[in-house]
PDB file of N, CA and C in Angstrom:
ATOM      1  N   MET A   1       6.457   2.313 -12.422  1.00  0.00           N
ATOM      2  CA  MET A   1       7.621   2.511 -13.411  1.00  0.00           C
ATOM      3  C   MET A   1       8.379   3.837 -12.560  1.00  0.00           C
ATOM      4  N   ALA A   2       7.729   4.783 -12.441  1.00  0.00           N
ATOM      5  CA  ALA A   2       8.515   5.821 -11.714  1.00  0.00           C
ATOM      6  C   ALA A   2       8.976   5.817 -10.325  1.00  0.00           C
ATOM      7  N   THR A   3       8.181   4.738  -9.616  1.00  0.00           N
ATOM      8  CA  THR A   3       8.834   4.459  -8.285  1.00  0.00           C
ATOM      9  C   THR A   3      10.046   3.795  -8.566  1.00  0.00           C
ATOM     10  N   GLU A   4      10.102   2.713  -9.386  1.00  0.00           N
ATOM     11  CA  GLU A   4      11.328   1.925  -9.501  1.00  0.00           C
ATOM     12  C   GLU A   4      12.330   2.722  -9.960  1.00  0.00           C
ATOM     13  N   LEU A   5      12.121   3.737 -11.027  1.00  0.00           N
ATOM     14  CA  LEU A   5      13.312   4.868 -11.436  1.00  0.00           C
ATOM     15  C   LEU A   5      13.611   5.459 -10.243  1.00  0.00           C
ATOM     16  N   SER A   6      12.997   6.064  -9.313  1.00  0.00           N
ATOM     17  CA  SER A   6      13.421   6.997  -8.241  1.00  0.00           C
ATOM     18  C   SER A   6      14.103   6.227  -7.215  1.00  0.00           C
ATOM     19  N   SER A   7      14.022   4.911  -6.985  1.00  0.00           N
ATOM     20  CA  SER A   7      14.764   3.982  -6.143  1.00  0.00           C
ATOM     21  C   SER A   7      16.354   3.964  -6.634  1.00  0.00           C
ATOM     22  N   SER A   8      16.476   4.242  -7.862  1.00  0.00           N
ATOM     23  CA  SER A   8      17.723   4.448  -8.302  1.00  0.00           C
ATOM     24  C   SER A   8      18.464   5.650  -8.307  1.00  0.00           C
ATOM     25  N   LEU A   9      17.853   6.723  -7.917  1.00  0.00           N
ATOM     26  CA  LEU A   9      18.053   8.123  -8.102  1.00  0.00           C
ATOM     27  C   LEU A   9      18.198   8.669  -6.693  1.00  0.00           C
ATOM     28  N   ILE A  10      18.880   9.931  -6.202  1.00  0.00           N
ATOM     29  CA  ILE A  10      19.263  10.369  -4.931  1.00  0.00           C
ATOM     30  C   ILE A  10      19.075  11.851  -5.110  1.00  0.00           C
ATOM     31  N   GLY A  11      18.589  12.389  -3.973  1.00  0.00           N
ATOM     32  CA  GLY A  11      18.408  13.785  -3.751  1.00  0.00           C
ATOM     33  C   GLY A  11      17.307  14.511  -4.518  1.00  0.00           C
ATOM     34  N   PRO A  12      17.676  15.519  -4.991  1.00  0.00           N
ATOM     35  CA  PRO A  12      16.575  16.303  -5.417  1.00  0.00           C
ATOM     36  C   PRO A  12      15.907  15.657  -6.833  1.00  0.00           C
ATOM     37  N   THR A  13      16.782  15.003  -7.721  1.00  0.00           N
ATOM     38  CA  THR A  13      15.999  14.089  -8.794  1.00  0.00           C
ATOM     39  C   THR A  13      15.240  13.033  -8.360  1.00  0.00           C
ATOM     40  N   CYS A  14      15.423  12.419  -7.359  1.00  0.00           N
ATOM     41  CA  CYS A  14      14.591  11.558  -6.852  1.00  0.00           C
ATOM     42  C   CYS A  14      13.224  12.035  -6.379  1.00  0.00           C
ATOM     43  N   ASN A  15      13.012  13.346  -5.731  1.00  0.00           N
ATOM     44  CA  ASN A  15      11.888  13.925  -5.225  1.00  0.00           C
ATOM     45  C   ASN A  15      11.292  14.470  -6.390  1.00  0.00           C
ATOM     46  N   LEU A  16      12.040  14.810  -7.591  1.00  0.00           N
ATOM     47  CA  LEU A  16      11.302  15.385  -8.843  1.00  0.00           C
ATOM     48  C   LEU A  16      10.382  14.167  -9.441  1.00  0.00           C
ATOM     49  N   VAL A  17      11.013  13.082  -9.546  1.00  0.00           N
ATOM     50  CA  VAL A  17      10.397  11.981 -10.233  1.00  0.00           C
ATOM     51  C   VAL A  17       9.106  11.509  -9.331  1.00  0.00           C
ATOM     52  N   LEU A  18       9.292  11.431  -7.934  1.00  0.00           N
ATOM     53  CA  LEU A  18       8.313  11.134  -7.038  1.00  0.00           C
ATOM     54  C   LEU A  18       7.292  12.259  -7.194  1.00  0.00           C
ATOM     55  N   GLY A  19       7.508  13.562  -7.404  1.00  0.00           N
ATOM     56  CA  GLY A  19       6.419  14.403  -7.351  1.00  0.00           C
ATOM     57  C   GLY A  19       5.606  14.301  -8.919  1.00  0.00           C
ATOM     58  N   ILE A  20       6.496  14.014 -10.010  1.00  0.00           N
ATOM     59  CA  ILE A  20       5.705  13.824 -11.176  1.00  0.00           C
ATOM     60  C   ILE A  20       4.901  12.510 -10.920  1.00  0.00           C
ATOM     61  N   GLN A  21       5.319  11.667 -10.361  1.00  0.00           N
ATOM     62  CA  GLN A  21       4.353  10.474 -10.223  1.00  0.00           C
ATOM     63  C   GLN A  21       3.091  10.912  -9.396  1.00  0.00           C
ATOM     64  N   GLN A  22       3.202  11.396  -8.655  1.00  0.00           N
ATOM     65  CA  GLN A  22       2.153  11.871  -7.756  1.00  0.00           C
ATOM     66  C   GLN A  22       1.332  12.796  -8.470  1.00  0.00           C
ATOM     67  N   MET A  23       1.656  13.627  -9.273  1.00  0.00           N
ATOM     68  CA  MET A  23       0.783  14.542 -10.126  1.00  0.00           C
ATOM     69  C   MET A  23      -0.032  13.784 -11.290  1.00  0.00           C
ATOM     70  N   ILE A  24       0.779  12.716 -11.721  1.00  0.00           N
ATOM     71  CA  ILE A  24       0.180  11.740 -12.660  1.00  0.00           C
ATOM     72  C   ILE A  24      -1.112  11.175 -12.076  1.00  0.00           C
ATOM     73  N   VAL A  25      -0.826  10.536 -10.865  1.00  0.00           N
ATOM     74  CA  VAL A  25      -1.751   9.739 -10.108  1.00  0.00           C
ATOM     75  C   VAL A  25      -3.042  10.717  -9.797  1.00  0.00           C
ATOM     76  N   LEU A  26      -2.834  11.865  -9.456  1.00  0.00           N
ATOM     77  CA  LEU A  26      -3.783  12.761  -9.127  1.00  0.00           C
ATOM     78  C   LEU A  26      -4.491  13.197 -10.323  1.00  0.00           C
ATOM     79  N   ALA A  27      -3.851  13.279 -11.659  1.00  0.00           N
ATOM     80  CA  ALA A  27      -4.572  13.566 -12.764  1.00  0.00           C
ATOM     81  C   ALA A  27      -5.387  12.515 -13.133  1.00  0.00           C
ATOM     82  N   GLN A  28      -5.037  11.251 -13.132  1.00  0.00           N
ATOM     83  CA  GLN A  28      -5.741  10.019 -13.254  1.00  0.00           C
ATOM     84  C   GLN A  28      -7.055   9.954 -12.349  1.00  0.00           C
ATOM     85  N   LEU A  29      -6.940  10.216 -11.133  1.00  0.00           N
ATOM     86  CA  LEU A  29      -8.056  10.164 -10.273  1.00  0.00           C
ATOM     87  C   LEU A  29      -8.903  11.333 -10.622  1.00  0.00           C
ATOM     88  N   SER A  30      -8.587  12.471 -10.997  1.00  0.00           N
ATOM     89  CA  SER A  30      -9.515  13.658 -11.502  1.00  0.00           C
ATOM     90  C   SER A  30     -10.104  13.062 -12.740  1.00  0.00           C
ATOM     91  N   VAL A  31      -9.690  12.650 -13.796  1.00  0.00           N
ATOM     92  CA  VAL A  31     -10.216  12.045 -15.022  1.00  0.00           C
ATOM     93  C   VAL A  31     -11.347  10.917 -14.711  1.00  0.00           C
ATOM     94  N   ASN A  32     -10.831  10.049 -13.672  1.00  0.00           N
ATOM     95  CA  ASN A  32     -12.023   8.867 -13.304  1.00  0.00           C
ATOM     96  C   ASN A  32     -13.107   9.585 -12.530  1.00  0.00           C
ATOM     97  N   ARG A  33     -12.837  10.686 -11.850  1.00  0.00           N
ATOM     98  CA  ARG A  33     -13.965  11.229 -11.226  1.00  0.00           C
ATOM     99  C   ARG A  33     -14.987  11.867 -12.200  1.00  0.00           C
ATOM    100  N   VAL A  34     -14.494  12.628 -13.071  1.00  0.00           N
ATOM    101  CA  VAL A  34     -15.393  13.379 -14.206  1.00  0.00           C
ATOM    102  C   VAL A  34     -15.938  12.312 -15.109  1.00  0.00           C
ATOM    103  N   LEU A  35     -15.301  11.291 -15.318  1.00  0.00           N
ATOM    104  CA  LEU A  35     -15.903  10.199 -16.225  1.00  0.00           C
ATOM    105  C   LEU A  35     -17.071   9.420 -15.406  1.00  0.00           C
ATOM    106  N   ASP A  36     -16.968   9.260 -14.141  1.00  0.00           N
ATOM    107  CA  ASP A  36     -17.998   8.720 -13.185  1.00  0.00           C
ATOM    108  C   ASP A  36     -19.430   9.661 -13.393  1.00  0.00           C
ATOM    109  N   GLN A  37     -19.036  10.924 -13.206  1.00  0.00           N
ATOM    110  CA  GLN A  37     -20.079  11.999 -13.274  1.00  0.00           C
ATOM    111  C   GLN A  37     -20.757  12.145 -14.494  1.00  0.00           C
ATOM    112  N   ILE A  38     -20.274  11.854 -15.610  1.00  0.00           N
ATOM    113  CA  ILE A  38     -20.559  11.899 -16.921  1.00  0.00           C
ATOM    114  C   ILE A  38     -21.588  10.627 -17.209  1.00  0.00           C
ATOM    115  N   GLU A  39     -20.976   9.676 -17.080  1.00  0.00           N
ATOM    116  CA  GLU A  39     -21.465   8.078 -17.181  1.00  0.00           C
ATOM    117  C   GLU A  39     -21.076   7.076 -16.167  1.00  0.00           C
ATOM    118  N   PRO A  40     -22.213   7.460 -15.235  1.00  0.00           N
ATOM    119  CA  PRO A  40     -21.998   6.708 -13.807  1.00  0.00           C
ATOM    120  C   PRO A  40     -21.969   5.053 -14.296  1.00  0.00           C
ATOM    121  N   GLN A  41     -21.024   4.539 -13.313  1.00  0.00           N
ATOM    122  CA  GLN A  41     -21.211   2.883 -13.408  1.00  0.00           C
ATOM    123  C   GLN A  41     -22.462   2.205 -13.216  1.00  0.00           C
ATOM    124  N   GLN A  42     -22.776   1.130 -13.889  1.00  0.00           N
ATOM    125  CA  GLN A  42     -24.016   0.699 -13.609  1.00  0.00           C
ATOM    126  C   GLN A  42     -23.801  -0.514 -12.747  1.00  0.00           C
TER     127      GLN A  42
END
């Protein structure tokens, strides 16, 4: 959704939205990694 929004934006606002999207993805990866360590997949 953030990628689609950024395609309609120009300049610094576009970069800001893409940066926020990247932070969200990194947070999701971090949470998944912690969950895998707490409860490994079978």
